[in-house]
Amino acid sequence: MNIKLELLQNAIFDAIGEKLSYMEIDADKIADTTAIKVLSEIKEIINDDEKSDFDAVEEIVYVFEKYNIGIGGRHDF
């Protein structure tokens, strides 16, 4: 555990949070847009009948990684 790093991270998070409160950001719009992109990419992968099930799952995992969505340890091989 690196205390200095944790304190720096907390300070950065606080500063960003403070600045964001002054900005007009539509979080729902951003999330919905990203969610639609992710779902569209996954749907395209699933609809490709030339892919094996394994390859389809592998590509779906890459989509999650592309958008920095954690998948846990289930795909650790």
PDB file of N, CA and C in Angstrom:
ATOM      1  N   MET A   1       0.852  -1.166   0.000  1.00  0.00           N
ATOM      2  CA  MET A   1       0.000   0.000   0.000  1.00  0.00           C
ATOM      3  C   MET A   1       0.907   1.240   0.000  1.00  0.00           C
ATOM      4  N   ASN A   2       0.642   2.142  -0.924  1.00  0.00           N
ATOM      5  CA  ASN A   2       1.419   3.368  -1.043  1.00  0.00           C
ATOM      6  C   ASN A   2       0.556   4.534  -0.586  1.00  0.00           C
ATOM      7  N   ILE A   3       0.811   5.000   0.619  1.00  0.00           N
ATOM      8  CA  ILE A   3      -0.013   6.053   1.232  1.00  0.00           C
ATOM      9  C   ILE A   3       0.039   7.332   0.405  1.00  0.00           C
ATOM     10  N   LYS A   4       1.230   7.715  -0.052  1.00  0.00           N
ATOM     11  CA  LYS A   4       1.351   8.951  -0.832  1.00  0.00           C
ATOM     12  C   LYS A   4       0.515   8.882  -2.104  1.00  0.00           C
ATOM     13  N   LEU A   5       0.546   7.747  -2.772  1.00  0.00           N
ATOM     14  CA  LEU A   5      -0.230   7.577  -3.999  1.00  0.00           C
ATOM     15  C   LEU A   5      -1.731   7.652  -3.705  1.00  0.00           C
ATOM     16  N   GLU A   6      -2.159   7.008  -2.640  1.00  0.00           N
ATOM     17  CA  GLU A   6      -3.578   7.046  -2.268  1.00  0.00           C
ATOM     18  C   GLU A   6      -4.028   8.473  -1.943  1.00  0.00           C
ATOM     19  N   LEU A   7      -3.201   9.204  -1.216  1.00  0.00           N
ATOM     20  CA  LEU A   7      -3.542  10.592  -0.882  1.00  0.00           C
ATOM     21  C   LEU A   7      -3.601  11.453  -2.137  1.00  0.00           C
ATOM     22  N   LEU A   8      -2.669  11.234  -3.066  1.00  0.00           N
ATOM     23  CA  LEU A   8      -2.668  11.971  -4.323  1.00  0.00           C
ATOM     24  C   LEU A   8      -3.922  11.646  -5.134  1.00  0.00           C
ATOM     25  N   GLN A   9      -4.281  10.372  -5.208  1.00  0.00           N
ATOM     26  CA  GLN A   9      -5.485   9.971  -5.926  1.00  0.00           C
ATOM     27  C   GLN A   9      -6.720  10.638  -5.327  1.00  0.00           C
ATOM     28  N   ASN A  10      -6.818  10.640  -4.020  1.00  0.00           N
ATOM     29  CA  ASN A  10      -7.967  11.271  -3.355  1.00  0.00           C
ATOM     30  C   ASN A  10      -8.028  12.763  -3.663  1.00  0.00           C
ATOM     31  N   ALA A  11      -6.878  13.426  -3.642  1.00  0.00           N
ATOM     32  CA  ALA A  11      -6.842  14.857  -3.943  1.00  0.00           C
ATOM     33  C   ALA A  11      -7.277  15.121  -5.378  1.00  0.00           C
ATOM     34  N   ILE A  12      -6.833  14.285  -6.304  1.00  0.00           N
ATOM     35  CA  ILE A  12      -7.211  14.436  -7.715  1.00  0.00           C
ATOM     36  C   ILE A  12      -8.705  14.193  -7.882  1.00  0.00           C
ATOM     37  N   PHE A  13      -9.227  13.139  -7.272  1.00  0.00           N
ATOM     38  CA  PHE A  13     -10.660  12.844  -7.369  1.00  0.00           C
ATOM     39  C   PHE A  13     -11.495  13.993  -6.808  1.00  0.00           C
ATOM     40  N   ASP A  14     -11.058  14.532  -5.675  1.00  0.00           N
ATOM     41  CA  ASP A  14     -11.789  15.655  -5.073  1.00  0.00           C
ATOM     42  C   ASP A  14     -11.772  16.869  -5.993  1.00  0.00           C
ATOM     43  N   ALA A  15     -10.617  17.161  -6.583  1.00  0.00           N
ATOM     44  CA  ALA A  15     -10.503  18.321  -7.469  1.00  0.00           C
ATOM     45  C   ALA A  15     -11.376  18.148  -8.709  1.00  0.00           C
ATOM     46  N   ILE A  16     -11.356  16.979  -9.266  1.00  0.00           N
ATOM     47  CA  ILE A  16     -12.184  16.713 -10.447  1.00  0.00           C
ATOM     48  C   ILE A  16     -13.656  16.813 -10.078  1.00  0.00           C
ATOM     49  N   GLY A  17     -14.041  16.215  -8.969  1.00  0.00           N
ATOM     50  CA  GLY A  17     -15.433  16.267  -8.528  1.00  0.00           C
ATOM     51  C   GLY A  17     -15.902  17.686  -8.301  1.00  0.00           C
ATOM     52  N   GLU A  18     -15.037  18.509  -7.727  1.00  0.00           N
ATOM     53  CA  GLU A  18     -15.388  19.911  -7.484  1.00  0.00           C
ATOM     54  C   GLU A  18     -15.580  20.654  -8.800  1.00  0.00           C
ATOM     55  N   LYS A  19     -14.700  20.426  -9.756  1.00  0.00           N
ATOM     56  CA  LYS A  19     -14.807  21.099 -11.057  1.00  0.00           C
ATOM     57  C   LYS A  19     -16.042  20.625 -11.817  1.00  0.00           C
ATOM     58  N   LEU A  20     -16.344  19.343 -11.729  1.00  0.00           N
ATOM     59  CA  LEU A  20     -17.497  18.807 -12.447  1.00  0.00           C
ATOM     60  C   LEU A  20     -18.808  19.378 -11.931  1.00  0.00           C
ATOM     61  N   SER A  21     -18.841  19.740 -10.669  1.00  0.00           N
ATOM     62  CA  SER A  21     -20.084  20.284 -10.124  1.00  0.00           C
ATOM     63  C   SER A  21     -20.428  21.635 -10.754  1.00  0.00           C
ATOM     64  N   TYR A  22     -19.442  22.306 -11.323  1.00  0.00           N
ATOM     65  CA  TYR A  22     -19.679  23.598 -11.968  1.00  0.00           C
ATOM     66  C   TYR A  22     -19.994  23.463 -13.450  1.00  0.00           C
ATOM     67  N   MET A  23     -19.773  22.299 -14.002  1.00  0.00           N
ATOM     68  CA  MET A  23     -19.981  22.093 -15.429  1.00  0.00           C
ATOM     69  C   MET A  23     -21.350  21.470 -15.677  1.00  0.00           C
ATOM     70  N   GLU A  24     -21.892  21.778 -16.812  1.00  0.00           N
ATOM     71  CA  GLU A  24     -23.154  21.160 -17.200  1.00  0.00           C
ATOM     72  C   GLU A  24     -22.835  19.909 -18.016  1.00  0.00           C
ATOM     73  N   ILE A  25     -22.908  18.785 -17.349  1.00  0.00           N
ATOM     74  CA  ILE A  25     -22.609  17.508 -17.987  1.00  0.00           C
ATOM     75  C   ILE A  25     -23.845  16.638 -17.873  1.00  0.00           C
ATOM     76  N   ASP A  26     -24.283  16.135 -18.992  1.00  0.00           N
ATOM     77  CA  ASP A  26     -25.431  15.236 -19.007  1.00  0.00           C
ATOM     78  C   ASP A  26     -24.895  13.803 -18.924  1.00  0.00           C
ATOM     79  N   ALA A  27     -24.711  13.314 -17.704  1.00  0.00           N
ATOM     80  CA  ALA A  27     -24.135  11.989 -17.485  1.00  0.00           C
ATOM     81  C   ALA A  27     -24.982  10.899 -18.128  1.00  0.00           C
ATOM     82  N   ASP A  28     -26.310  11.061 -18.089  1.00  0.00           N
ATOM     83  CA  ASP A  28     -27.187  10.064 -18.696  1.00  0.00           C
ATOM     84  C   ASP A  28     -26.953   9.982 -20.201  1.00  0.00           C
ATOM     85  N   LYS A  29     -26.793  11.124 -20.837  1.00  0.00           N
ATOM     86  CA  LYS A  29     -26.564  11.148 -22.281  1.00  0.00           C
ATOM     87  C   LYS A  29     -25.247  10.460 -22.631  1.00  0.00           C
ATOM     88  N   ILE A  30     -24.208  10.736 -21.859  1.00  0.00           N
ATOM     89  CA  ILE A  30     -22.904  10.120 -22.103  1.00  0.00           C
ATOM     90  C   ILE A  30     -22.987   8.610 -21.894  1.00  0.00           C
ATOM     91  N   ALA A  31     -23.592   8.191 -20.792  1.00  0.00           N
ATOM     92  CA  ALA A  31     -23.695   6.767 -20.486  1.00  0.00           C
ATOM     93  C   ALA A  31     -24.551   6.049 -21.514  1.00  0.00           C
ATOM     94  N   ASP A  32     -25.671   6.658 -21.883  1.00  0.00           N
ATOM     95  CA  ASP A  32     -26.550   6.029 -22.866  1.00  0.00           C
ATOM     96  C   ASP A  32     -25.842   5.868 -24.204  1.00  0.00           C
ATOM     97  N   THR A  33     -25.105   6.878 -24.602  1.00  0.00           N
ATOM     98  CA  THR A  33     -24.383   6.817 -25.869  1.00  0.00           C
ATOM     99  C   THR A  33     -23.362   5.689 -25.840  1.00  0.00           C
ATOM    100  N   THR A  34     -22.604   5.595 -24.769  1.00  0.00           N
ATOM    101  CA  THR A  34     -21.609   4.531 -24.645  1.00  0.00           C
ATOM    102  C   THR A  34     -22.281   3.172 -24.584  1.00  0.00           C
ATOM    103  N   ALA A  35     -23.366   3.081 -23.831  1.00  0.00           N
ATOM    104  CA  ALA A  35     -24.075   1.809 -23.717  1.00  0.00           C
ATOM    105  C   ALA A  35     -24.584   1.346 -25.080  1.00  0.00           C
ATOM    106  N   ILE A  36     -25.110   2.265 -25.865  1.00  0.00           N
ATOM    107  CA  ILE A  36     -25.611   1.909 -27.195  1.00  0.00           C
ATOM    108  C   ILE A  36     -24.465   1.428 -28.084  1.00  0.00           C
ATOM    109  N   LYS A  37     -23.310   2.080 -27.999  1.00  0.00           N
ATOM    110  CA  LYS A  37     -22.145   1.650 -28.790  1.00  0.00           C
ATOM    111  C   LYS A  37     -21.739   0.233 -28.406  1.00  0.00           C
ATOM    112  N   VAL A  38     -21.657  -0.011 -27.093  1.00  0.00           N
ATOM    113  CA  VAL A  38     -21.250  -1.338 -26.609  1.00  0.00           C
ATOM    114  C   VAL A  38     -22.243  -2.399 -27.077  1.00  0.00           C
ATOM    115  N   LEU A  39     -23.534  -2.135 -26.883  1.00  0.00           N
ATOM    116  CA  LEU A  39     -24.549  -3.116 -27.276  1.00  0.00           C
ATOM    117  C   LEU A  39     -24.555  -3.347 -28.782  1.00  0.00           C
ATOM    118  N   SER A  40     -24.357  -2.304 -29.547  1.00  0.00           N
ATOM    119  CA  SER A  40     -24.324  -2.453 -31.012  1.00  0.00           C
ATOM    120  C   SER A  40     -23.157  -3.323 -31.437  1.00  0.00           C
ATOM    121  N   GLU A  41     -21.997  -3.107 -30.829  1.00  0.00           N
ATOM    122  CA  GLU A  41     -20.830  -3.924 -31.169  1.00  0.00           C
ATOM    123  C   GLU A  41     -21.042  -5.383 -30.772  1.00  0.00           C
ATOM    124  N   ILE A  42     -21.620  -5.596 -29.598  1.00  0.00           N
ATOM    125  CA  ILE A  42     -21.878  -6.966 -29.148  1.00  0.00           C
ATOM    126  C   ILE A  42     -22.895  -7.642 -30.058  1.00  0.00           C
ATOM    127  N   LYS A  43     -23.926  -6.925 -30.437  1.00  0.00           N
ATOM    128  CA  LYS A  43     -24.941  -7.497 -31.327  1.00  0.00           C
ATOM    129  C   LYS A  43     -24.328  -7.904 -32.659  1.00  0.00           C
ATOM    130  N   GLU A  44     -23.453  -7.071 -33.185  1.00  0.00           N
ATOM    131  CA  GLU A  44     -22.783  -7.391 -34.453  1.00  0.00           C
ATOM    132  C   GLU A  44     -21.951  -8.668 -34.326  1.00  0.00           C
ATOM    133  N   ILE A  45     -21.287  -8.816 -33.202  1.00  0.00           N
ATOM    134  CA  ILE A  45     -20.481 -10.026 -32.963  1.00  0.00           C
ATOM    135  C   ILE A  45     -21.382 -11.250 -32.894  1.00  0.00           C
ATOM    136  N   ILE A  46     -22.470 -11.152 -32.146  1.00  0.00           N
ATOM    137  CA  ILE A  46     -23.383 -12.285 -31.972  1.00  0.00           C
ATOM    138  C   ILE A  46     -24.045 -12.678 -33.289  1.00  0.00           C
ATOM    139  N   ASN A  47     -24.339 -11.708 -34.134  1.00  0.00           N
ATOM    140  CA  ASN A  47     -25.013 -11.986 -35.408  1.00  0.00           C
ATOM    141  C   ASN A  47     -24.099 -12.592 -36.469  1.00  0.00           C
ATOM    142  N   ASP A  48     -22.806 -12.617 -36.223  1.00  0.00           N
ATOM    143  CA  ASP A  48     -21.859 -13.176 -37.191  1.00  0.00           C
ATOM    144  C   ASP A  48     -21.827 -14.696 -37.027  1.00  0.00           C
ATOM    145  N   ASP A  49     -22.546 -15.398 -37.902  1.00  0.00           N
ATOM    146  CA  ASP A  49     -22.650 -16.858 -37.812  1.00  0.00           C
ATOM    147  C   ASP A  49     -21.355 -17.588 -38.156  1.00  0.00           C
ATOM    148  N   GLU A  50     -20.398 -16.881 -38.710  1.00  0.00           N
ATOM    149  CA  GLU A  50     -19.129 -17.524 -39.065  1.00  0.00           C
ATOM    150  C   GLU A  50     -18.195 -17.659 -37.861  1.00  0.00           C
ATOM    151  N   LYS A  51     -18.505 -16.978 -36.767  1.00  0.00           N
ATOM    152  CA  LYS A  51     -17.675 -17.064 -35.565  1.00  0.00           C
ATOM    153  C   LYS A  51     -18.110 -18.256 -34.717  1.00  0.00           C
ATOM    154  N   SER A  52     -17.119 -18.912 -34.125  1.00  0.00           N
ATOM    155  CA  SER A  52     -17.446 -19.954 -33.147  1.00  0.00           C
ATOM    156  C   SER A  52     -17.919 -19.254 -31.875  1.00  0.00           C
ATOM    157  N   ASP A  53     -18.584 -20.004 -31.003  1.00  0.00           N
ATOM    158  CA  ASP A  53     -19.037 -19.426 -29.738  1.00  0.00           C
ATOM    159  C   ASP A  53     -17.854 -18.874 -28.946  1.00  0.00           C
ATOM    160  N   PHE A  54     -16.762 -19.633 -28.931  1.00  0.00           N
ATOM    161  CA  PHE A  54     -15.576 -19.185 -28.196  1.00  0.00           C
ATOM    162  C   PHE A  54     -15.057 -17.862 -28.753  1.00  0.00           C
ATOM    163  N   ASP A  55     -14.944 -17.771 -30.078  1.00  0.00           N
ATOM    164  CA  ASP A  55     -14.454 -16.541 -30.699  1.00  0.00           C
ATOM    165  C   ASP A  55     -15.384 -15.367 -30.429  1.00  0.00           C
ATOM    166  N   ALA A  56     -16.691 -15.631 -30.437  1.00  0.00           N
ATOM    167  CA  ALA A  56     -17.656 -14.569 -30.162  1.00  0.00           C
ATOM    168  C   ALA A  56     -17.486 -14.049 -28.739  1.00  0.00           C
ATOM    169  N   VAL A  57     -17.362 -14.955 -27.785  1.00  0.00           N
ATOM    170  CA  VAL A  57     -17.176 -14.541 -26.396  1.00  0.00           C
ATOM    171  C   VAL A  57     -15.863 -13.775 -26.250  1.00  0.00           C
ATOM    172  N   GLU A  58     -14.830 -14.258 -26.904  1.00  0.00           N
ATOM    173  CA  GLU A  58     -13.530 -13.584 -26.856  1.00  0.00           C
ATOM    174  C   GLU A  58     -13.644 -12.145 -27.375  1.00  0.00           C
ATOM    175  N   GLU A  59     -14.341 -11.958 -28.475  1.00  0.00           N
ATOM    176  CA  GLU A  59     -14.508 -10.622 -29.039  1.00  0.00           C
ATOM    177  C   GLU A  59     -15.374  -9.735 -28.148  1.00  0.00           C
ATOM    178  N   ILE A  60     -16.372 -10.326 -27.514  1.00  0.00           N
ATOM    179  CA  ILE A  60     -17.214  -9.553 -26.594  1.00  0.00           C
ATOM    180  C   ILE A  60     -16.378  -9.067 -25.407  1.00  0.00           C
ATOM    181  N   VAL A  61     -15.500  -9.916 -24.920  1.00  0.00           N
ATOM    182  CA  VAL A  61     -14.606  -9.516 -23.832  1.00  0.00           C
ATOM    183  C   VAL A  61     -13.749  -8.329 -24.274  1.00  0.00           C
ATOM    184  N   TYR A  62     -13.260  -8.363 -25.502  1.00  0.00           N
ATOM    185  CA  TYR A  62     -12.450  -7.251 -26.012  1.00  0.00           C
ATOM    186  C   TYR A  62     -13.262  -5.960 -26.098  1.00  0.00           C
ATOM    187  N   VAL A  63     -14.551  -6.078 -26.411  1.00  0.00           N
ATOM    188  CA  VAL A  63     -15.413  -4.884 -26.439  1.00  0.00           C
ATOM    189  C   VAL A  63     -15.489  -4.284 -25.033  1.00  0.00           C
ATOM    190  N   PHE A  64     -15.699  -5.130 -24.035  1.00  0.00           N
ATOM    191  CA  PHE A  64     -15.743  -4.629 -22.661  1.00  0.00           C
ATOM    192  C   PHE A  64     -14.425  -3.955 -22.291  1.00  0.00           C
ATOM    193  N   GLU A  65     -13.312  -4.578 -22.646  1.00  0.00           N
ATOM    194  CA  GLU A  65     -12.008  -3.996 -22.339  1.00  0.00           C
ATOM    195  C   GLU A  65     -11.816  -2.664 -23.061  1.00  0.00           C
ATOM    196  N   LYS A  66     -12.274  -2.597 -24.298  1.00  0.00           N
ATOM    197  CA  LYS A  66     -12.154  -1.370 -25.102  1.00  0.00           C
ATOM    198  C   LYS A  66     -12.798  -0.181 -24.402  1.00  0.00           C
ATOM    199  N   TYR A  67     -13.922  -0.424 -23.725  1.00  0.00           N
ATOM    200  CA  TYR A  67     -14.644   0.638 -23.036  1.00  0.00           C
ATOM    201  C   TYR A  67     -14.330   0.674 -21.537  1.00  0.00           C
ATOM    202  N   ASN A  68     -13.268  -0.030 -21.148  1.00  0.00           N
ATOM    203  CA  ASN A  68     -12.829  -0.059 -19.743  1.00  0.00           C
ATOM    204  C   ASN A  68     -13.925  -0.501 -18.794  1.00  0.00           C
ATOM    205  N   ILE A  69     -14.659  -1.525 -19.203  1.00  0.00           N
ATOM    206  CA  ILE A  69     -15.694  -2.125 -18.358  1.00  0.00           C
ATOM    207  C   ILE A  69     -15.113  -3.406 -17.774  1.00  0.00           C
ATOM    208  N   GLY A  70     -15.007  -3.446 -16.461  1.00  0.00           N
ATOM    209  CA  GLY A  70     -14.422  -4.602 -15.807  1.00  0.00           C
ATOM    210  C   GLY A  70     -15.254  -5.861 -16.009  1.00  0.00           C
ATOM    211  N   ILE A  71     -14.569  -6.968 -16.194  1.00  0.00           N
ATOM    212  CA  ILE A  71     -15.264  -8.247 -16.376  1.00  0.00           C
ATOM    213  C   ILE A  71     -14.914  -9.229 -15.273  1.00  0.00           C
ATOM    214  N   GLY A  72     -14.157  -8.784 -14.290  1.00  0.00           N
ATOM    215  CA  GLY A  72     -13.774  -9.670 -13.195  1.00  0.00           C
ATOM    216  C   GLY A  72     -12.756 -10.680 -13.649  1.00  0.00           C
ATOM    217  N   GLY A  73     -12.635 -11.751 -12.903  1.00  0.00           N
ATOM    218  CA  GLY A  73     -11.630 -12.764 -13.183  1.00  0.00           C
ATOM    219  C   GLY A  73     -12.123 -13.932 -14.005  1.00  0.00           C
ATOM    220  N   ARG A  74     -13.339 -13.876 -14.493  1.00  0.00           N
ATOM    221  CA  ARG A  74     -13.925 -15.004 -15.240  1.00  0.00           C
ATOM    222  C   ARG A  74     -13.173 -15.290 -16.534  1.00  0.00           C
ATOM    223  N   HIS A  75     -12.530 -14.295 -17.081  1.00  0.00           N
ATOM    224  CA  HIS A  75     -11.880 -14.462 -18.378  1.00  0.00           C
ATOM    225  C   HIS A  75     -10.369 -14.352 -18.221  1.00  0.00           C
ATOM    226  N   ASP A  76      -9.839 -15.017 -17.213  1.00  0.00           N
ATOM    227  CA  ASP A  76      -8.414 -14.915 -16.906  1.00  0.00           C
ATOM    228  C   ASP A  76      -7.705 -16.180 -17.352  1.00  0.00           C
ATOM    229  N   PHE A  77      -7.593 -16.335 -18.679  1.00  0.00           N
ATOM    230  CA  PHE A  77      -6.873 -17.514 -19.193  1.00  0.00           C
ATOM    231  C   PHE A  77      -6.063 -17.157 -20.390  1.00  0.00           C
TER     232      PHE A  77
END
